[in-house]
Amino acid sequence: MAMTRTAARRYGLLLLTALLTLVLGGTAQAEPPPVLLGTVNSFALLGGSSITNTGPSVINGDLGLHPGSSVTGFPPGTLNGAMHVTDAVAKNAKSDLVTAYKDAAGRPRNATLPPDVGNRRLNAGVYRTGSVPSLGLTGALTLDGQGDPRSVFIFQVASTLTTASDSSVNLINGAQPCNVFWQLGSSGTLGTRTAFVGNILALTSISVNNGATINGRLLARNGGVTLINDTINRSECAPGTIAGGGGGGAGSAGPGADVRGPGIRITGLPGVRPRPLITRPGTRPPSASVVCTRRDFNASVRLSDRAGIRRVKVYLDGKRLLLTTRTRFSLRISARGLRVGSHRLTVIALDRAGNHSVIRRHFGRCSLPLAAPRFTG
């Protein structure tokens, strides 16, 4: 029986609706939100019973312990941050760690992990161990952000995480260490010279063997943390973080708490529309929406936040120009040292409540005008 025009249209609309639902639903599932760490955000290392170090380990970030009181090995270890042992700050951080741990453990699974994730490439999502409760890493694990700096990776390990010597976690295509989370139902052991990435949230303890590097955080709820000549760099979301939320407190912000990132204003960038540029073959001039200059200029930055500014970083084309705590400052930009084309100025601000803000502004470097040819004869 032939289908009428009206029936065909209705069928087409139903099919289109179903396809849109599939596409939109799949997109939402593939992009889990980050695990918010609250006051844990400033810590590189947080333990429950004890923290023990051997050798010249370097901790870039705060160190905390609660309810235990035994911290040994500093010196010879170096702490580039504050130490909080059984004080109110450590207690609050431990409370936020419990909240974050439960959040990570309760996320719905997107895929099941094999017993060993070495030599694999994974996209953003929530991964859980399967029939084998433990997880191993032998070789290199690659996490692919697929061009999205907000991509989030959550690994739910029922029991233990163990990495082999010289293993690594590599990030590509915009993935960031601050958005990688390892929730362990028991403990974690990082092998000798492991190059690890992400935030380890362990129910019990964390042990790191000699010469390992961690770009993230070591967070043990109930047990201890053991280091041997290791380096821990507290990860911080770079451009692309969720506005006002990069590490903001889930479950820790009470009524009236500051949950917004700092306000940022940049003025003084070139404000003249560019003329057509003469560039080298194979290069592109700034787009029509980008302004350009041939002269040096001053860019002024102003920040505001009711919780107070903890830290401000300024980048030009991805290279850091300044690290400061000031709320007002100026930057001298030399046009002479810039290539012809488009450039990006990025300001990343962190307030004392743990909230981030990021602002980017573009400008162009104009080419010098060519002198008119002279003809003699």
Protein backbone atom coordinates (compact mmCIF):
# COMPACT_ATOMS: atom_id res chain seq x y z
CA MET A 1 0.00 0.00 0.00
CA ALA A 2 1.42 3.38 -1.04
CA MET A 3 2.22 5.86 1.72
CA THR A 4 0.37 9.20 1.53
CA ARG A 5 2.28 12.49 1.51
CA THR A 6 1.04 13.38 4.99
CA ALA A 7 2.07 10.00 6.39
CA ALA A 8 5.46 10.29 4.70
CA ARG A 9 6.07 13.69 6.25
CA ARG A 10 5.10 12.43 9.70
CA TYR A 11 7.38 9.42 9.29
CA GLY A 12 10.24 11.67 8.20
CA LEU A 13 9.77 13.95 11.22
CA LEU A 14 9.69 10.97 13.58
CA LEU A 15 12.87 9.57 12.03
CA LEU A 16 14.63 12.94 12.27
CA THR A 17 13.58 13.32 15.92
CA ALA A 18 14.90 9.85 16.73
CA LEU A 19 18.22 10.58 15.04
CA LEU A 20 18.61 13.88 16.91
CA THR A 21 17.82 12.16 20.20
CA LEU A 22 20.47 9.53 19.51
CA VAL A 23 23.11 12.07 18.55
CA LEU A 24 22.43 14.50 21.40
CA GLY A 25 22.06 11.73 23.94
CA GLY A 26 25.34 10.13 22.85
CA THR A 27 27.17 13.45 23.08
CA ALA A 28 25.96 14.10 26.60
CA GLN A 29 27.02 10.66 27.78
CA ALA A 30 30.49 11.01 26.27
CA GLU A 31 31.28 14.20 28.19
CA PRO A 32 31.23 13.53 31.94
CA PRO A 33 31.63 16.59 34.17
CA PRO A 34 34.84 16.88 36.23
CA VAL A 35 35.10 15.67 39.81
CA LEU A 36 35.18 18.87 41.88
CA LEU A 37 37.85 18.79 44.58
CA GLY A 38 36.89 21.81 46.66
CA THR A 39 39.57 22.81 49.14
CA VAL A 40 41.68 19.83 48.04
CA ASN A 41 42.50 21.86 44.94
CA SER A 42 45.56 23.53 46.50
CA PHE A 43 47.09 20.23 47.66
CA ALA A 44 49.58 18.09 45.75
CA LEU A 45 49.74 15.55 48.56
CA LEU A 46 47.07 14.62 51.14
CA GLY A 47 47.21 11.62 53.47
CA GLY A 48 45.21 10.04 56.27
CA SER A 49 47.61 8.23 58.64
CA SER A 50 51.16 9.33 57.70
CA ILE A 51 53.40 10.81 55.01
CA THR A 52 56.89 9.38 54.63
CA ASN A 53 59.59 10.55 52.24
CA THR A 54 63.07 9.26 51.46
CA GLY A 55 65.54 11.30 49.41
CA PRO A 56 65.24 14.70 47.69
CA SER A 57 61.61 14.49 46.58
CA VAL A 58 60.02 17.74 45.34
CA ILE A 59 56.40 18.63 46.10
CA ASN A 60 55.01 21.56 44.11
CA GLY A 61 51.80 22.32 45.99
CA ASP A 62 50.45 22.06 49.51
CA LEU A 63 50.94 19.02 51.75
CA GLY A 64 48.25 17.88 54.19
CA LEU A 65 47.63 15.13 56.74
CA HIS A 66 44.52 14.32 58.79
CA PRO A 67 43.85 12.73 61.23
CA GLY A 68 47.41 11.36 61.45
CA SER A 69 50.32 13.51 62.61
CA SER A 70 53.48 11.78 61.31
CA VAL A 71 55.21 13.60 58.45
CA THR A 72 58.86 12.61 57.93
CA GLY A 73 61.50 13.28 55.29
CA PHE A 74 61.13 17.08 54.79
CA PRO A 75 64.04 17.79 54.54
CA PRO A 76 65.69 16.25 52.55
CA GLY A 77 62.45 16.54 50.58
CA THR A 78 61.47 20.01 49.32
CA LEU A 79 57.96 21.39 49.77
CA ASN A 80 57.05 24.32 47.55
CA GLY A 81 53.78 25.03 49.30
CA ALA A 82 52.17 25.07 52.74
CA MET A 83 52.16 22.17 55.22
CA HIS A 84 48.90 21.45 57.07
CA VAL A 85 49.04 18.69 59.69
CA THR A 86 45.94 17.92 61.78
CA ASP A 87 44.74 21.52 61.50
CA ALA A 88 41.42 22.97 60.31
CA VAL A 89 42.64 23.32 56.72
CA ALA A 90 43.66 19.66 56.52
CA LYS A 91 40.40 18.59 58.16
CA ASN A 92 38.30 20.51 55.63
CA ALA A 93 40.37 19.17 52.75
CA LYS A 94 39.87 15.61 53.99
CA SER A 95 36.12 16.19 54.15
CA ASP A 96 36.13 17.46 50.55
CA LEU A 97 38.24 14.47 49.51
CA VAL A 98 35.60 12.08 50.88
CA THR A 99 32.93 13.94 48.87
CA ALA A 100 35.03 13.86 45.71
CA TYR A 101 35.85 10.16 46.18
CA LYS A 102 32.17 9.24 46.46
CA ASP A 103 31.36 11.36 43.43
CA ALA A 104 34.01 9.64 41.29
CA ALA A 105 32.97 6.17 42.50
CA GLY A 106 29.31 6.79 41.74
CA ARG A 107 29.62 7.92 38.12
CA PRO A 108 27.85 5.68 35.56
CA ARG A 109 30.28 3.60 33.53
CA ASN A 110 30.88 4.17 29.81
CA ALA A 111 33.27 1.27 29.24
CA THR A 112 35.02 -1.66 30.96
CA LEU A 113 38.78 -1.72 31.47
CA PRO A 114 41.07 -4.65 30.61
CA PRO A 115 43.39 -5.97 33.35
CA ASP A 116 46.25 -3.84 31.93
CA VAL A 117 45.78 -0.54 30.11
CA GLY A 118 49.31 -0.28 28.72
CA ASN A 119 49.76 0.56 25.02
CA ARG A 120 46.15 1.68 24.67
CA ARG A 121 44.51 4.92 23.53
CA LEU A 122 41.33 6.08 25.28
CA ASN A 123 38.91 8.94 24.74
CA ALA A 124 37.09 10.87 27.46
CA GLY A 125 34.65 8.89 29.58
CA VAL A 126 34.12 6.83 32.73
CA TYR A 127 36.01 3.50 32.80
CA ARG A 128 35.57 0.72 35.36
CA THR A 129 37.49 -2.47 36.04
CA GLY A 130 35.69 -5.63 34.98
CA SER A 131 36.10 -9.24 36.12
CA VAL A 132 39.59 -8.45 37.45
CA PRO A 133 39.29 -5.87 40.26
CA SER A 134 42.89 -4.66 40.02
CA LEU A 135 44.34 -2.52 37.24
CA GLY A 136 47.85 -2.64 35.81
CA LEU A 137 49.77 -0.27 33.58
CA THR A 138 52.71 -1.65 31.63
CA GLY A 139 54.06 0.64 28.94
CA ALA A 140 52.25 3.80 27.85
CA LEU A 141 48.58 4.75 28.20
CA THR A 142 47.46 7.57 25.90
CA LEU A 143 44.47 9.76 26.80
CA ASP A 144 43.05 11.61 23.80
CA GLY A 145 41.17 14.85 24.46
CA GLN A 146 40.05 15.01 20.80
CA GLY A 147 40.65 18.75 20.72
CA ASP A 148 38.52 19.50 23.81
CA PRO A 149 40.47 20.82 26.85
CA ARG A 150 37.40 20.13 29.00
CA SER A 151 37.50 16.39 28.30
CA VAL A 152 37.28 14.34 31.52
CA PHE A 153 38.68 10.86 32.20
CA ILE A 154 37.50 8.92 35.27
CA PHE A 155 38.94 5.49 36.12
CA GLN A 156 37.05 3.44 38.72
CA VAL A 157 39.37 0.73 40.04
CA ALA A 158 37.66 -1.75 42.37
CA SER A 159 40.87 -2.72 44.16
CA THR A 160 44.48 -1.70 43.44
CA LEU A 161 46.36 0.24 40.76
CA THR A 162 49.92 -0.88 39.95
CA THR A 163 52.22 0.61 37.32
CA ALA A 164 55.34 -1.11 36.01
CA SER A 165 58.76 0.54 35.94
CA ASP A 166 59.17 3.17 33.20
CA SER A 167 55.45 3.16 32.41
CA SER A 168 53.66 6.39 31.54
CA VAL A 169 50.35 8.19 31.01
CA ASN A 170 50.46 10.51 27.99
CA LEU A 171 47.99 13.27 27.10
CA ILE A 172 47.25 14.37 23.55
CA ASN A 173 44.86 16.68 21.69
CA GLY A 174 44.06 19.02 24.56
CA ALA A 175 43.59 16.57 27.45
CA GLN A 176 44.62 18.08 30.81
CA PRO A 177 46.01 16.42 33.97
CA CYS A 178 43.51 18.31 36.15
CA ASN A 179 40.65 16.45 34.45
CA VAL A 180 42.02 12.91 34.95
CA PHE A 181 40.80 11.03 38.05
CA TRP A 182 41.79 7.61 39.40
CA GLN A 183 39.38 6.35 42.07
CA LEU A 184 40.89 3.35 43.86
CA GLY A 185 38.88 0.99 46.05
CA SER A 186 42.07 0.08 47.90
CA SER A 187 45.62 1.34 47.26
CA GLY A 188 47.97 2.43 44.50
CA THR A 189 51.63 1.65 43.72
CA LEU A 190 53.57 3.59 41.10
CA GLY A 191 56.64 1.83 39.76
CA THR A 192 60.18 3.17 39.42
CA ARG A 193 60.48 6.12 37.02
CA THR A 194 56.76 6.07 36.21
CA ALA A 195 55.58 9.26 34.49
CA PHE A 196 52.04 9.46 35.83
CA VAL A 197 49.24 11.90 35.11
CA GLY A 198 46.06 12.64 37.05
CA ASN A 199 44.53 12.80 40.52
CA ILE A 200 44.75 9.55 42.49
CA LEU A 201 41.90 9.25 45.02
CA ALA A 202 42.73 6.13 47.05
CA LEU A 203 40.59 4.71 49.83
CA THR A 204 43.65 3.41 51.67
CA SER A 205 47.26 4.23 50.76
CA ILE A 206 49.58 5.30 47.94
CA SER A 207 53.18 4.14 47.49
CA VAL A 208 55.55 5.68 44.92
CA ASN A 209 58.84 4.03 44.04
CA ASN A 210 62.12 5.74 43.17
CA GLY A 211 62.28 8.49 40.55
CA ALA A 212 58.60 8.74 39.60
CA THR A 213 56.97 11.94 38.35
CA ILE A 214 53.33 12.76 39.00
CA ASN A 215 51.53 15.56 37.21
CA GLY A 216 48.42 15.68 39.35
CA ARG A 217 47.74 14.82 43.01
CA LEU A 218 48.25 11.95 45.46
CA LEU A 219 45.21 11.80 47.76
CA ALA A 220 44.86 8.97 50.31
CA ARG A 221 41.69 8.96 52.46
CA ASN A 222 42.59 6.62 55.33
CA GLY A 223 46.15 5.33 54.89
CA GLY A 224 49.58 6.81 54.28
CA VAL A 225 51.59 8.13 51.37
CA THR A 226 55.18 6.94 50.80
CA LEU A 227 57.67 8.66 48.47
CA ILE A 228 61.22 7.86 47.34
CA ASN A 229 63.01 10.62 45.44
CA ASP A 230 59.88 11.58 43.47
CA THR A 231 58.37 14.75 41.98
CA ILE A 232 54.74 15.79 42.35
CA ASN A 233 53.44 18.76 40.38
CA ARG A 234 49.96 19.82 41.45
CA SER A 235 47.91 20.03 38.28
CA GLU A 236 45.94 23.13 37.43
CA CYS A 237 43.47 23.50 34.58
CA ALA A 238 44.88 25.60 31.77
CA PRO A 239 42.78 27.51 29.20
CA GLY A 240 39.63 25.55 28.42
CA THR A 241 38.65 24.79 32.02
CA ILE A 242 35.01 25.15 33.00
CA ALA A 243 34.48 28.81 33.86
CA GLY A 244 34.35 29.38 37.59
CA GLY A 245 34.59 25.68 38.39
CA GLY A 246 38.13 24.37 37.95
CA GLY A 247 38.41 22.67 41.28
CA GLY A 248 35.58 24.53 42.99
CA GLY A 249 34.06 22.80 45.96
CA ALA A 250 31.45 20.16 45.43
CA GLY A 251 29.66 19.74 48.71
CA SER A 252 31.93 22.18 50.53
CA ALA A 253 30.38 25.50 49.58
CA GLY A 254 27.85 26.64 52.14
CA PRO A 255 25.24 29.38 51.79
CA GLY A 256 26.81 32.57 50.54
CA ALA A 257 30.07 30.82 49.60
CA ASP A 258 32.08 32.12 46.67
CA VAL A 259 31.54 29.72 43.77
CA ARG A 260 32.45 32.06 40.92
CA GLY A 261 35.83 32.60 39.38
CA PRO A 262 37.56 35.99 39.50
CA GLY A 263 36.44 38.78 37.21
CA ILE A 264 39.14 39.60 34.64
CA ARG A 265 39.43 42.65 32.40
CA ILE A 266 42.14 43.26 29.80
CA THR A 267 42.57 46.67 28.20
CA GLY A 268 45.22 48.33 26.04
CA LEU A 269 45.42 45.78 23.24
CA PRO A 270 45.69 47.25 19.72
CA GLY A 271 42.36 48.67 18.62
CA VAL A 272 42.87 49.51 14.96
CA ARG A 273 41.42 47.27 12.27
CA PRO A 274 44.20 45.72 10.22
CA ARG A 275 44.99 46.69 6.69
CA PRO A 276 45.75 43.92 4.19
CA LEU A 277 48.99 42.29 5.27
CA ILE A 278 51.90 41.27 3.11
CA THR A 279 53.04 37.91 4.45
CA ARG A 280 55.41 35.20 3.43
CA PRO A 281 54.14 32.48 1.10
CA GLY A 282 52.26 29.81 3.01
CA THR A 283 51.38 32.02 6.02
CA ARG A 284 48.04 33.53 6.93
CA PRO A 285 47.43 37.10 8.07
CA PRO A 286 45.22 37.78 11.09
CA SER A 287 41.53 37.35 10.42
CA ALA A 288 39.33 40.39 9.85
CA SER A 289 38.17 40.27 13.51
CA VAL A 290 41.74 40.51 14.83
CA VAL A 291 43.41 43.89 15.20
CA CYS A 292 47.06 44.37 14.37
CA THR A 293 49.94 46.63 15.30
CA ARG A 294 53.52 47.39 14.33
CA ARG A 295 54.33 49.10 17.64
CA ASP A 296 55.05 47.99 21.20
CA PHE A 297 52.10 48.41 23.57
CA ASN A 298 51.03 48.02 27.20
CA ALA A 299 48.25 45.58 28.13
CA SER A 300 46.57 46.33 31.46
CA VAL A 301 44.94 43.59 33.55
CA ARG A 302 42.42 44.17 36.36
CA LEU A 303 41.00 41.43 38.58
CA SER A 304 38.25 41.32 41.18
CA ASP A 305 37.02 38.57 43.50
CA ARG A 306 35.38 38.70 46.93
CA ALA A 307 37.37 35.68 48.19
CA GLY A 308 40.67 37.27 47.18
CA ILE A 309 43.14 36.40 44.44
CA ARG A 310 45.48 33.47 45.12
CA ARG A 311 47.42 33.39 41.84
CA VAL A 312 47.38 34.87 38.33
CA LYS A 313 49.20 33.47 35.29
CA VAL A 314 49.60 35.30 31.99
CA TYR A 315 50.50 33.53 28.73
CA LEU A 316 51.38 34.85 25.28
CA ASP A 317 50.87 32.20 22.60
CA GLY A 318 51.11 29.48 25.24
CA LYS A 319 54.36 30.76 26.79
CA ARG A 320 54.09 32.06 30.34
CA LEU A 321 54.97 35.73 30.75
CA LEU A 322 54.03 36.36 34.37
CA LEU A 323 53.07 34.70 37.65
CA THR A 324 51.71 37.11 40.26
CA THR A 325 49.22 37.67 43.07
CA ARG A 326 48.50 41.29 42.19
CA THR A 327 45.02 42.40 41.18
CA ARG A 328 46.27 45.22 38.93
CA PHE A 329 49.29 45.16 36.66
CA SER A 330 50.52 46.04 33.17
CA LEU A 331 52.50 44.07 30.60
CA ARG A 332 54.81 45.55 27.99
CA ILE A 333 54.39 43.65 24.72
CA SER A 334 57.17 44.07 22.16
CA ALA A 335 55.82 43.90 18.62
CA ARG A 336 59.34 43.58 17.23
CA GLY A 337 59.77 40.11 18.70
CA LEU A 338 56.48 38.76 17.33
CA ARG A 339 55.95 37.06 14.00
CA VAL A 340 53.51 38.54 11.51
CA GLY A 341 50.03 37.12 12.09
CA SER A 342 47.59 36.43 14.90
CA HIS A 343 48.61 36.19 18.59
CA ARG A 344 46.77 35.26 21.77
CA LEU A 345 47.05 36.71 25.27
CA THR A 346 45.61 34.46 28.00
CA VAL A 347 45.04 35.27 31.68
CA ILE A 348 44.25 32.47 34.16
CA ALA A 349 43.18 33.54 37.67
CA LEU A 350 42.63 31.38 40.78
CA ASP A 351 40.87 32.78 43.84
CA ARG A 352 41.27 31.70 47.47
CA ALA A 353 38.05 29.69 47.31
CA GLY A 354 39.54 27.44 44.60
CA ASN A 355 37.62 28.88 41.63
CA HIS A 356 39.25 29.52 38.22
CA SER A 357 38.55 31.98 35.45
CA VAL A 358 40.16 32.19 32.02
CA ILE A 359 40.04 35.03 29.52
CA ARG A 360 41.64 35.19 26.07
CA ARG A 361 42.20 38.14 23.78
CA HIS A 362 43.61 38.12 20.26
CA PHE A 363 45.60 40.72 18.39
CA GLY A 364 47.68 40.79 15.23
CA ARG A 365 51.23 41.71 14.31
CA CYS A 366 51.20 43.75 11.10
CA SER A 367 53.86 43.50 8.48
CA LEU A 368 56.01 46.52 7.72
CA PRO A 369 54.94 48.42 4.59
CA LEU A 370 57.07 47.84 1.55
CA ALA A 371 58.89 50.89 0.22
CA ALA A 372 57.70 52.08 -3.18
CA PRO A 373 60.21 51.12 -5.91
CA ARG A 374 62.25 53.88 -7.48
CA PHE A 375 63.03 53.93 -11.17
CA THR A 376 66.05 55.75 -12.55
CA GLY A 377 67.37 56.05 -16.02
